[in-house]
C-alpha atoms as a PDB file:
ATOM      1  CA  MET A   1     -92.847  31.086  52.735  1.00  0.00           C
ATOM      2  CA  ASP A   2     -92.972  33.847  55.344  1.00  0.00           C
ATOM      3  CA  ASP A   3     -92.225  37.422  54.302  1.00  0.00           C
ATOM      4  CA  GLU A   4     -90.862  38.859  57.548  1.00  0.00           C
ATOM      5  CA  ARG A   5     -91.062  42.417  56.201  1.00  0.00           C
ATOM      6  CA  ILE A   6     -94.836  42.288  56.652  1.00  0.00           C
ATOM      7  CA  CYS A   7     -95.866  43.127  60.237  1.00  0.00           C
ATOM      8  CA  PRO A   8     -92.665  42.015  61.957  1.00  0.00           C
ATOM      9  CA  PRO A   9     -93.315  41.002  65.575  1.00  0.00           C
ATOM     10  CA  ALA A  10     -92.574  43.630  68.203  1.00  0.00           C
ATOM     11  CA  VAL A  11     -89.448  43.312  70.289  1.00  0.00           C
ATOM     12  CA  GLY A  12     -90.266  42.147  73.817  1.00  0.00           C
ATOM     13  CA  GLY A  13     -90.434  45.028  76.282  1.00  0.00           C
ATOM     14  CA  GLN A  14     -90.773  47.597  73.514  1.00  0.00           C
ATOM     15  CA  VAL A  15     -93.425  50.234  74.183  1.00  0.00           C
ATOM     16  CA  THR A  16     -95.367  51.728  71.300  1.00  0.00           C
ATOM     17  CA  LEU A  17     -95.741  55.490  71.635  1.00  0.00           C
ATOM     18  CA  PHE A  18     -98.004  55.951  68.634  1.00  0.00           C
ATOM     19  CA  PRO A  19    -100.029  53.185  67.033  1.00  0.00           C
ATOM     20  CA  ALA A  20     -99.024  52.605  63.442  1.00  0.00           C
ATOM     21  CA  PRO A  21    -101.743  52.840  60.812  1.00  0.00           C
ATOM     22  CA  TYR A  22    -102.289  49.526  59.102  1.00  0.00           C
ATOM     23  CA  ARG A  23    -102.888  48.916  55.432  1.00  0.00           C
ATOM     24  CA  LEU A  24    -103.304  45.189  55.151  1.00  0.00           C
ATOM     25  CA  LEU A  25    -103.865  43.529  51.795  1.00  0.00           C
ATOM     26  CA  GLU A  26    -104.879  40.034  50.735  1.00  0.00           C
ATOM     27  CA  LEU A  27    -101.476  39.481  49.122  1.00  0.00           C
ATOM     28  CA  HIS A  28     -99.929  40.127  52.540  1.00  0.00           C
ATOM     29  CA  ALA A  29    -102.032  37.305  53.991  1.00  0.00           C
ATOM     30  CA  VAL A  30    -100.699  34.845  51.440  1.00  0.00           C
ATOM     31  CA  ALA A  31     -97.122  35.944  52.195  1.00  0.00           C
ATOM     32  CA  ILE A  32     -97.417  35.447  55.976  1.00  0.00           C
ATOM     33  CA  ARG A  33    -100.029  32.747  56.482  1.00  0.00           C
ATOM     34  CA  SER A  34     -97.428  30.073  57.254  1.00  0.00           C
ATOM     35  CA  ARG A  35     -96.242  32.161  60.243  1.00  0.00           C
ATOM     36  CA  PHE A  36     -99.540  31.477  62.002  1.00  0.00           C
ATOM     37  CA  GLN A  37    -100.182  27.813  61.188  1.00  0.00           C
ATOM     38  CA  ASP A  38    -100.352  26.801  64.866  1.00  0.00           C
ATOM     39  CA  ASP A  39    -102.798  29.592  65.725  1.00  0.00           C
ATOM     40  CA  LEU A  40    -104.906  28.913  62.630  1.00  0.00           C
ATOM     41  CA  ILE A  41    -105.057  25.193  63.441  1.00  0.00           C
ATOM     42  CA  ARG A  42    -106.357  26.072  66.930  1.00  0.00           C
ATOM     43  CA  LEU A  43    -108.967  28.365  65.367  1.00  0.00           C
ATOM     44  CA  LYS A  44    -110.188  25.827  62.752  1.00  0.00           C
ATOM     45  CA  PRO A  45    -112.941  24.315  64.947  1.00  0.00           C
ATOM     46  CA  LEU A  46    -114.289  27.799  65.699  1.00  0.00           C
ATOM     47  CA  ILE A  47    -114.100  28.753  62.026  1.00  0.00           C
ATOM     48  CA  GLY A  48    -116.059  25.592  61.253  1.00  0.00           C
ATOM     49  CA  GLN A  49    -118.665  26.512  63.887  1.00  0.00           C
ATOM     50  CA  VAL A  50    -119.239  29.985  62.455  1.00  0.00           C
ATOM     51  CA  GLN A  51    -119.273  28.563  58.923  1.00  0.00           C
ATOM     52  CA  ALA A  52    -121.922  25.988  59.871  1.00  0.00           C
ATOM     53  CA  GLU A  53    -124.029  28.465  61.883  1.00  0.00           C
ATOM     54  CA  HIS A  54    -124.317  30.783  58.895  1.00  0.00           C
ATOM     55  CA  ARG A  55    -124.188  28.148  56.119  1.00  0.00           C
ATOM     56  CA  LEU A  56    -121.148  29.721  54.493  1.00  0.00           C
ATOM     57  CA  GLY A  57    -119.063  28.163  51.726  1.00  0.00           C
ATOM     58  CA  ARG A  58    -115.457  27.183  51.176  1.00  0.00           C
ATOM     59  CA  ALA A  59    -114.535  30.580  49.697  1.00  0.00           C
ATOM     60  CA  TRP A  60    -115.658  32.252  52.931  1.00  0.00           C
ATOM     61  CA  ARG A  61    -113.493  29.849  54.949  1.00  0.00           C
ATOM     62  CA  VAL A  62    -110.367  30.564  52.860  1.00  0.00           C
ATOM     63  CA  ASN A  63    -110.992  34.320  53.076  1.00  0.00           C
ATOM     64  CA  VAL A  64    -111.460  34.207  56.855  1.00  0.00           C
ATOM     65  CA  MET A  65    -108.265  32.178  57.300  1.00  0.00           C
ATOM     66  CA  ASN A  66    -106.360  34.840  55.343  1.00  0.00           C
ATOM     67  CA  MET A  67    -107.940  37.714  57.271  1.00  0.00           C
ATOM     68  CA  LEU A  68    -107.206  35.969  60.581  1.00  0.00           C
ATOM     69  CA  ALA A  69    -103.538  35.635  59.564  1.00  0.00           C
ATOM     70  CA  LEU A  70    -103.447  39.397  58.934  1.00  0.00           C
ATOM     71  CA  ALA A  71    -105.140  40.167  62.246  1.00  0.00           C
ATOM     72  CA  LEU A  72    -102.701  37.909  64.115  1.00  0.00           C
ATOM     73  CA  ALA A  73     -99.736  39.529  62.346  1.00  0.00           C
ATOM     74  CA  ALA A  74    -100.937  42.987  63.365  1.00  0.00           C
ATOM     75  CA  ARG A  75    -101.452  41.716  66.925  1.00  0.00           C
ATOM     76  CA  ASP A  76     -97.859  40.477  67.077  1.00  0.00           C
ATOM     77  CA  ALA A  77     -96.504  43.641  65.456  1.00  0.00           C
ATOM     78  CA  ALA A  78     -98.243  45.662  68.172  1.00  0.00           C
ATOM     79  CA  GLY A  79     -96.753  43.406  70.861  1.00  0.00           C
ATOM     80  CA  GLN A  80    -100.197  42.419  72.124  1.00  0.00           C
ATOM     81  CA  ASP A  81    -101.658  39.110  73.314  1.00  0.00           C
ATOM     82  CA  VAL A  82    -105.077  39.800  71.783  1.00  0.00           C
ATOM     83  CA  VAL A  83    -106.293  41.460  68.582  1.00  0.00           C
ATOM     84  CA  ASP A  84    -107.322  45.100  68.966  1.00  0.00           C
ATOM     85  CA  ALA A  85    -110.708  45.815  67.375  1.00  0.00           C
ATOM     86  CA  ALA A  86    -109.155  48.771  65.508  1.00  0.00           C
ATOM     87  CA  ILE A  87    -107.049  46.307  63.526  1.00  0.00           C
ATOM     88  CA  LEU A  88    -110.210  44.733  62.132  1.00  0.00           C
ATOM     89  CA  ASP A  89    -111.041  48.000  60.377  1.00  0.00           C
ATOM     90  CA  ALA A  90    -107.791  47.695  58.411  1.00  0.00           C
ATOM     91  CA  LEU A  91    -108.652  44.255  57.047  1.00  0.00           C
ATOM     92  CA  PRO A  92    -109.749  44.013  53.440  1.00  0.00           C
ATOM     93  CA  HIS A  93    -113.460  43.182  53.202  1.00  0.00           C
ATOM     94  CA  ARG A  94    -113.680  43.107  57.038  1.00  0.00           C
ATOM     95  CA  PRO A  95    -115.585  39.846  57.220  1.00  0.00           C
ATOM     96  CA  VAL A  96    -117.854  39.660  60.257  1.00  0.00           C
ATOM     97  CA  GLY A  97    -116.737  36.068  60.673  1.00  0.00           C
ATOM     98  CA  VAL A  98    -113.277  37.202  61.773  1.00  0.00           C
ATOM     99  CA  THR A  99    -114.784  39.109  64.688  1.00  0.00           C
ATOM    100  CA  ARG A 100    -116.968  36.137  65.641  1.00  0.00           C
ATOM    101  CA  VAL A 101    -114.077  33.651  65.500  1.00  0.00           C
ATOM    102  CA  LEU A 102    -111.746  35.885  67.529  1.00  0.00           C
ATOM    103  CA  ASN A 103    -114.513  36.491  70.099  1.00  0.00           C
ATOM    104  CA  LYS A 104    -115.196  32.761  70.447  1.00  0.00           C
ATOM    105  CA  ALA A 105    -111.469  32.127  70.922  1.00  0.00           C
ATOM    106  CA  GLY A 106    -111.149  34.924  73.493  1.00  0.00           C
ATOM    107  CA  TRP A 107    -108.529  36.564  71.271  1.00  0.00           C
ATOM    108  CA  LEU A 108    -110.347  39.873  70.668  1.00  0.00           C
ATOM    109  CA  ALA A 109    -109.512  42.763  72.993  1.00  0.00           C
ATOM    110  CA  PRO A 110    -112.486  44.299  74.762  1.00  0.00           C
ATOM    111  CA  ASP A 111    -113.643  47.530  73.145  1.00  0.00           C
ATOM    112  CA  LEU A 112    -112.952  50.220  75.726  1.00  0.00           C
ATOM    113  CA  ASP A 113    -114.506  53.140  73.853  1.00  0.00           C
END
């Protein structure tokens, strides 16, 4: 079930004047995860790579899938094609694996600061 009140996608052609502060929670991830099934399926091999490289368990994998769903929701809400690194700071627990997976996929915006 997708709760469309959480990070609704931006309207095409809409320009954001001020970036909205994000407060993303794990319960939000559960509510929207189905929205990103196609993206998450494409990321699964990369998630598996990072998991194997660092010998991480199943709990890590579930957590990263949830955090990736939140990052992708924030990306869509901002009307972007890639995830802004600032969004990662709003994720609960900010797992390093999310950054690694997004980098491997080419879905993390370059840090311009």
